[in-house]
Amino acid sequence: MFELKPIGTKAIPAALAKAERYRLLNEPREAESISRDILQVAPDHQEALVMLLLALTDQFGKGTGVALDNPQQLIERLHDEYERAYYSGVILERWGKSLGGGGAPSYVGCDWLREAMKSYQAAEAIRPADNDDAILRWNTCARIIRMEAPKERGDPRVSSADPDPSAGDDVPIL
């Protein structure tokens, strides 16, 4: 139908900035398209791979047809082991959150968040100095699961004798 036009390699920094702006404007399809344009001329561009991964996960649960395996296919193309672990967690976390709003039982989304937490723990173990991003995301998942815990009581896998999941956390859940 239409043959896509390639961008120039010198235009990549500006294109990345535009893709980020589109993500911030909640227009992930535009960010996805720009990221794919960059990857057409620079297939190994790490920032464009991350941008594409994030733009795809922005579309989870929005009826765009983006499935879990779409962004997961990009993970192996990332060079850095930390980034592979961290962004694996991001994908799983966002997938779990998208299921929560889609009518699935709360424990289904929480199961995905628990899987994300495993990836964040792996990332934490190999994180660069002064980079606590994986810890911040792990804590977010933990807090979401704690908020969903009363709903999970209907899950046959959760015993009513389990302790209150929020016990011991003196930080209010917002």
Protein backbone atom coordinates (compact mmCIF):
# COMPACT_ATOMS: atom_id res chain seq x y z
CA MET A 1 0.00 0.00 0.00
CA PHE A 2 2.33 2.76 1.22
CA GLU A 3 6.08 2.45 1.34
CA LEU A 4 7.44 3.94 4.55
CA LYS A 5 10.01 6.68 4.22
CA PRO A 6 13.28 6.33 6.14
CA ILE A 7 14.48 9.04 8.47
CA GLY A 8 18.06 10.30 8.47
CA THR A 9 20.38 9.04 11.18
CA LYS A 10 21.16 12.62 12.23
CA ALA A 11 17.44 13.06 12.99
CA ILE A 12 17.43 10.28 15.61
CA PRO A 13 17.95 12.47 18.72
CA ALA A 14 15.10 14.79 17.76
CA ALA A 15 12.89 11.83 16.85
CA LEU A 16 13.54 10.25 20.27
CA ALA A 17 12.58 13.51 21.96
CA LYS A 18 9.35 13.59 19.93
CA ALA A 19 8.56 9.98 20.85
CA GLU A 20 9.02 10.81 24.52
CA ARG A 21 6.71 13.81 24.21
CA TYR A 22 4.06 11.68 22.53
CA ARG A 23 4.28 9.19 25.40
CA LEU A 24 3.85 12.03 27.88
CA LEU A 25 0.82 13.23 25.90
CA ASN A 26 -0.65 9.72 26.20
CA GLU A 27 -0.28 9.08 22.48
CA PRO A 28 1.62 5.79 22.55
CA ARG A 29 0.86 4.82 18.96
CA GLU A 30 2.71 7.89 17.73
CA ALA A 31 5.64 7.09 20.03
CA GLU A 32 5.59 3.50 18.78
CA SER A 33 5.66 4.64 15.15
CA ILE A 34 8.58 7.02 15.70
CA SER A 35 10.52 4.34 17.60
CA ARG A 36 10.00 1.91 14.73
CA ASP A 37 11.22 4.59 12.28
CA ILE A 38 14.41 4.96 14.31
CA LEU A 39 14.92 1.20 14.49
CA GLN A 40 14.54 0.97 10.70
CA VAL A 41 17.73 3.01 10.25
CA ALA A 42 19.47 2.00 13.52
CA PRO A 43 18.22 -1.51 14.43
CA ASP A 44 20.37 -1.76 17.53
CA HIS A 45 19.57 1.68 18.98
CA GLN A 46 19.09 0.96 22.69
CA GLU A 47 17.10 4.07 23.58
CA ALA A 48 14.73 3.47 20.68
CA LEU A 49 14.24 -0.15 21.79
CA VAL A 50 13.33 1.01 25.30
CA MET A 51 11.05 3.71 23.91
CA LEU A 52 9.28 1.15 21.73
CA LEU A 53 8.94 -1.26 24.65
CA LEU A 54 7.40 1.48 26.82
CA ALA A 55 5.11 2.72 24.04
CA LEU A 56 3.83 -0.83 23.55
CA THR A 57 3.20 -1.33 27.27
CA ASP A 58 1.39 2.02 27.35
CA GLN A 59 -1.17 0.36 25.07
CA PHE A 60 -1.90 -2.66 27.28
CA GLY A 61 -5.60 -3.00 27.99
CA LYS A 62 -6.62 -0.23 25.60
CA GLY A 63 -8.00 -2.37 22.79
CA THR A 64 -5.08 -1.77 20.45
CA GLY A 65 -4.20 -5.44 20.07
CA VAL A 66 -0.84 -5.13 21.81
CA ALA A 67 -0.19 -8.42 23.58
CA LEU A 68 2.26 -9.31 26.32
CA ASP A 69 4.69 -10.94 23.92
CA ASN A 70 5.00 -7.82 21.72
CA PRO A 71 7.28 -5.89 24.11
CA GLN A 72 8.80 -9.08 25.56
CA GLN A 73 10.34 -9.82 22.17
CA LEU A 74 12.42 -6.66 22.53
CA ILE A 75 14.06 -7.63 25.84
CA GLU A 76 16.72 -9.86 24.30
CA ARG A 77 17.80 -7.02 22.02
CA LEU A 78 18.83 -4.93 25.04
CA HIS A 79 22.57 -5.21 25.67
CA ASP A 80 22.63 -4.44 29.39
CA GLU A 81 21.72 -7.28 31.79
CA TYR A 82 20.31 -4.83 34.33
CA GLU A 83 18.05 -3.23 31.72
CA ARG A 84 16.83 -6.66 30.56
CA ALA A 85 15.83 -7.56 34.13
CA TYR A 86 14.38 -4.13 34.93
CA TYR A 87 12.31 -3.77 31.76
CA SER A 88 11.10 -7.37 32.05
CA GLY A 89 9.64 -6.25 35.37
CA VAL A 90 8.11 -3.14 33.81
CA ILE A 91 6.39 -5.25 31.16
CA LEU A 92 4.98 -7.69 33.72
CA GLU A 93 3.92 -4.90 36.07
CA ARG A 94 2.09 -2.99 33.36
CA TRP A 95 0.45 -6.17 32.10
CA GLY A 96 -0.78 -6.97 35.60
CA LYS A 97 -2.12 -3.45 36.05
CA SER A 98 -3.93 -3.64 32.71
CA LEU A 99 -5.67 -6.83 33.79
CA GLY A 100 -6.91 -5.16 36.97
CA GLY A 101 -9.07 -2.76 35.01
CA GLY A 102 -10.24 -5.39 32.56
CA GLY A 103 -12.62 -7.24 34.83
CA ALA A 104 -10.20 -10.03 35.76
CA PRO A 105 -10.21 -11.07 39.42
CA SER A 106 -7.79 -8.94 41.40
CA TYR A 107 -5.55 -11.90 42.20
CA VAL A 108 -4.82 -12.39 38.48
CA GLY A 109 -3.30 -8.92 38.20
CA CYS A 110 -1.51 -9.41 41.52
CA ASP A 111 0.05 -12.64 40.27
CA TRP A 112 1.60 -10.68 37.40
CA LEU A 113 2.81 -8.01 39.84
CA ARG A 114 4.49 -10.74 41.91
CA GLU A 115 6.26 -11.93 38.76
CA ALA A 116 7.34 -8.35 38.07
CA MET A 117 8.73 -8.16 41.60
CA LYS A 118 10.97 -11.17 40.85
CA SER A 119 12.40 -9.32 37.84
CA TYR A 120 12.91 -6.20 39.93
CA GLN A 121 14.75 -8.25 42.56
CA ALA A 122 17.02 -9.64 39.86
CA ALA A 123 17.63 -6.11 38.58
CA GLU A 124 18.29 -4.83 42.10
CA ALA A 125 21.03 -7.43 42.57
CA ILE A 126 22.95 -6.09 39.55
CA ARG A 127 21.91 -2.43 39.53
CA PRO A 128 24.37 0.35 38.86
CA ALA A 129 25.55 2.33 41.86
CA ASP A 130 22.98 4.86 43.11
CA ASN A 131 20.24 3.43 40.88
CA ASP A 132 17.26 2.44 43.02
CA ASP A 133 14.70 2.32 40.21
CA ALA A 134 14.11 -1.42 40.65
CA ILE A 135 13.55 -0.94 44.38
CA LEU A 136 11.06 1.87 43.76
CA ARG A 137 9.09 -0.28 41.31
CA TRP A 138 9.23 -3.31 43.63
CA ASN A 139 7.79 -1.18 46.44
CA THR A 140 5.02 0.09 44.16
CA CYS A 141 4.02 -3.46 43.26
CA ALA A 142 4.08 -4.44 46.95
CA ARG A 143 1.79 -1.54 47.85
CA ILE A 144 -0.65 -2.33 45.05
CA ILE A 145 -0.81 -5.95 46.16
CA ARG A 146 -1.43 -4.82 49.73
CA MET A 147 -4.32 -2.64 48.57
CA GLU A 148 -5.76 -5.56 46.61
CA ALA A 149 -5.25 -8.06 49.45
CA PRO A 150 -8.78 -7.70 50.87
CA LYS A 151 -10.15 -8.49 47.40
CA GLU A 152 -7.79 -11.44 47.17
CA ARG A 153 -9.44 -12.99 50.21
CA GLY A 154 -11.97 -14.41 47.74
CA ASP A 155 -9.10 -16.20 46.01
CA PRO A 156 -9.05 -19.85 47.12
CA ARG A 157 -5.23 -19.68 47.19
CA VAL A 158 -5.34 -17.18 50.07
CA SER A 159 -6.01 -18.49 53.56
CA SER A 160 -8.16 -16.39 55.87
CA ALA A 161 -5.49 -17.06 58.50
CA ASP A 162 -2.90 -15.11 56.50
CA PRO A 163 -1.65 -12.05 58.37
CA ASP A 164 -2.70 -8.56 57.37
CA PRO A 165 -0.42 -7.75 54.39
CA SER A 166 -0.12 -4.10 55.43
CA ALA A 167 1.12 -4.88 58.94
CA GLY A 168 4.52 -3.40 59.64
CA ASP A 169 4.44 -0.73 56.95
CA ASP A 170 4.22 2.62 58.69
CA VAL A 171 3.94 4.46 55.37
CA PRO A 172 0.33 5.23 54.46
CA ILE A 173 -0.92 3.71 51.25
CA LEU A 174 -1.94 6.54 48.94
